[in-house]
Protein backbone atom coordinates (compact mmCIF):
# COMPACT_ATOMS: atom_id res chain seq x y z
CA MET A 1 79.64 -46.16 61.03
CA LYS A 2 78.08 -49.62 61.14
CA LYS A 3 75.98 -50.51 58.09
CA ILE A 4 72.97 -52.76 58.27
CA SER A 5 72.61 -55.21 55.40
CA LEU A 6 69.04 -55.20 54.19
CA ARG A 7 68.68 -58.15 51.89
CA ARG A 8 65.22 -59.68 52.02
CA LYS A 9 64.88 -63.18 53.34
CA LYS A 10 62.36 -65.60 51.86
CA GLN A 11 61.32 -67.13 55.21
CA ALA A 12 58.77 -64.69 56.57
CA GLY A 13 58.36 -62.47 53.52
CA LYS A 14 59.00 -59.22 55.31
CA THR A 15 62.01 -60.28 57.43
CA VAL A 16 65.10 -58.08 56.89
CA LYS A 17 68.54 -58.86 58.31
CA GLY A 18 69.54 -56.31 60.96
CA PHE A 19 66.15 -54.57 61.21
CA SER A 20 63.31 -55.51 63.49
CA THR A 21 59.96 -53.72 63.69
CA LEU A 22 59.35 -55.35 67.07
CA SER A 23 62.55 -53.88 68.44
CA LEU A 24 61.73 -50.50 66.93
CA LYS A 25 58.28 -50.54 68.57
CA ARG A 26 59.80 -51.42 71.96
CA ASP A 27 62.25 -48.53 71.65
CA ILE A 28 59.43 -46.08 70.80
CA MET A 29 57.27 -47.42 73.66
CA ARG A 30 60.12 -47.03 76.12
CA GLU A 31 60.58 -43.38 75.24
CA GLY A 32 56.88 -42.84 75.61
CA ARG A 33 56.93 -44.39 79.10
CA VAL A 34 59.65 -42.00 80.11
CA LEU A 35 57.30 -39.11 79.34
CA ASN A 36 54.31 -40.85 80.91
CA ARG A 37 52.42 -40.97 77.65
CA HIS A 38 49.25 -43.02 77.49
CA VAL A 39 50.09 -46.68 76.66
CA GLY A 40 47.32 -47.03 74.07
CA ALA A 41 48.35 -43.87 72.26
CA MET A 42 52.00 -44.93 72.21
CA GLU A 43 51.08 -48.34 70.81
CA LEU A 44 49.24 -46.72 67.92
CA ILE A 45 52.17 -44.37 67.26
CA ALA A 46 54.70 -47.15 67.53
CA ASP A 47 52.75 -49.39 65.10
CA LYS A 48 52.31 -46.60 62.52
CA VAL A 49 55.95 -45.45 62.73
CA ALA A 50 57.31 -48.99 62.56
CA LYS A 51 55.35 -49.75 59.42
CA GLU A 52 56.45 -46.46 57.82
CA VAL A 53 60.12 -47.07 58.67
CA GLU A 54 59.97 -50.67 57.51
CA LYS A 55 58.59 -49.54 54.16
CA TRP A 56 61.35 -46.93 53.97
CA VAL A 57 64.05 -49.53 54.76
CA LEU A 58 62.75 -52.02 52.19
CA GLU A 59 63.04 -49.38 49.49
CA ARG A 60 66.76 -49.09 50.01
CA GLY A 61 69.56 -51.58 49.53
CA GLU A 62 71.66 -50.66 52.49
CA VAL A 63 71.27 -48.16 55.35
CA THR A 64 73.07 -47.31 58.54
CA LYS A 65 71.60 -47.47 62.02
CA ALA A 66 71.93 -43.68 62.10
CA ASP A 67 69.76 -43.46 58.99
CA VAL A 68 67.09 -45.61 60.57
CA ASP A 69 67.24 -43.55 63.81
CA ARG A 70 66.99 -40.26 61.88
CA VAL A 71 64.00 -41.40 59.81
CA THR A 72 62.25 -42.93 62.84
CA ALA A 73 62.63 -39.70 64.84
CA ALA A 74 61.24 -37.71 61.90
CA ARG A 75 58.23 -40.04 61.65
CA ILE A 76 57.64 -39.90 65.44
CA ARG A 77 57.79 -36.09 65.33
CA LYS A 78 54.57 -36.01 63.29
CA TYR A 79 52.73 -37.45 66.30
CA ASP A 80 54.71 -36.33 69.39
CA ALA A 81 57.66 -33.94 69.20
CA ASP A 82 58.82 -34.66 72.77
CA VAL A 83 58.98 -38.43 72.23
CA ALA A 84 60.85 -37.82 68.97
CA TYR A 85 63.39 -35.65 70.75
CA LEU A 86 63.96 -38.32 73.38
CA TYR A 87 64.22 -41.05 70.74
CA ARG A 88 66.77 -39.09 68.74
CA ASN A 89 68.90 -38.30 71.76
CA ARG A 90 68.63 -41.56 73.70
CA GLY A 91 71.88 -42.61 75.21
CA LYS A 92 73.19 -39.05 75.22
CA ILE A 93 73.32 -36.62 78.08
CA VAL A 94 70.63 -34.00 77.45
């Protein structure tokens, strides 16, 4: 399993190698579009979830992509279970 190194960089203060909140937001938004969720609602959910996951990531020294995906899906589930299911199983035949 590929590990993501999470050492903080001094440049932007919150930049972490291998993790991008912007990329995470795009992934969440994409799954919301698949289910025809309202764009505004998905933006709010994506912002909240990305901040929560970023905080979680910064508290750990090293995590895998699977860890990030698992935590992200759990955080999305609080707001929309269907989007969380799609996010967790993206790339798989369901």
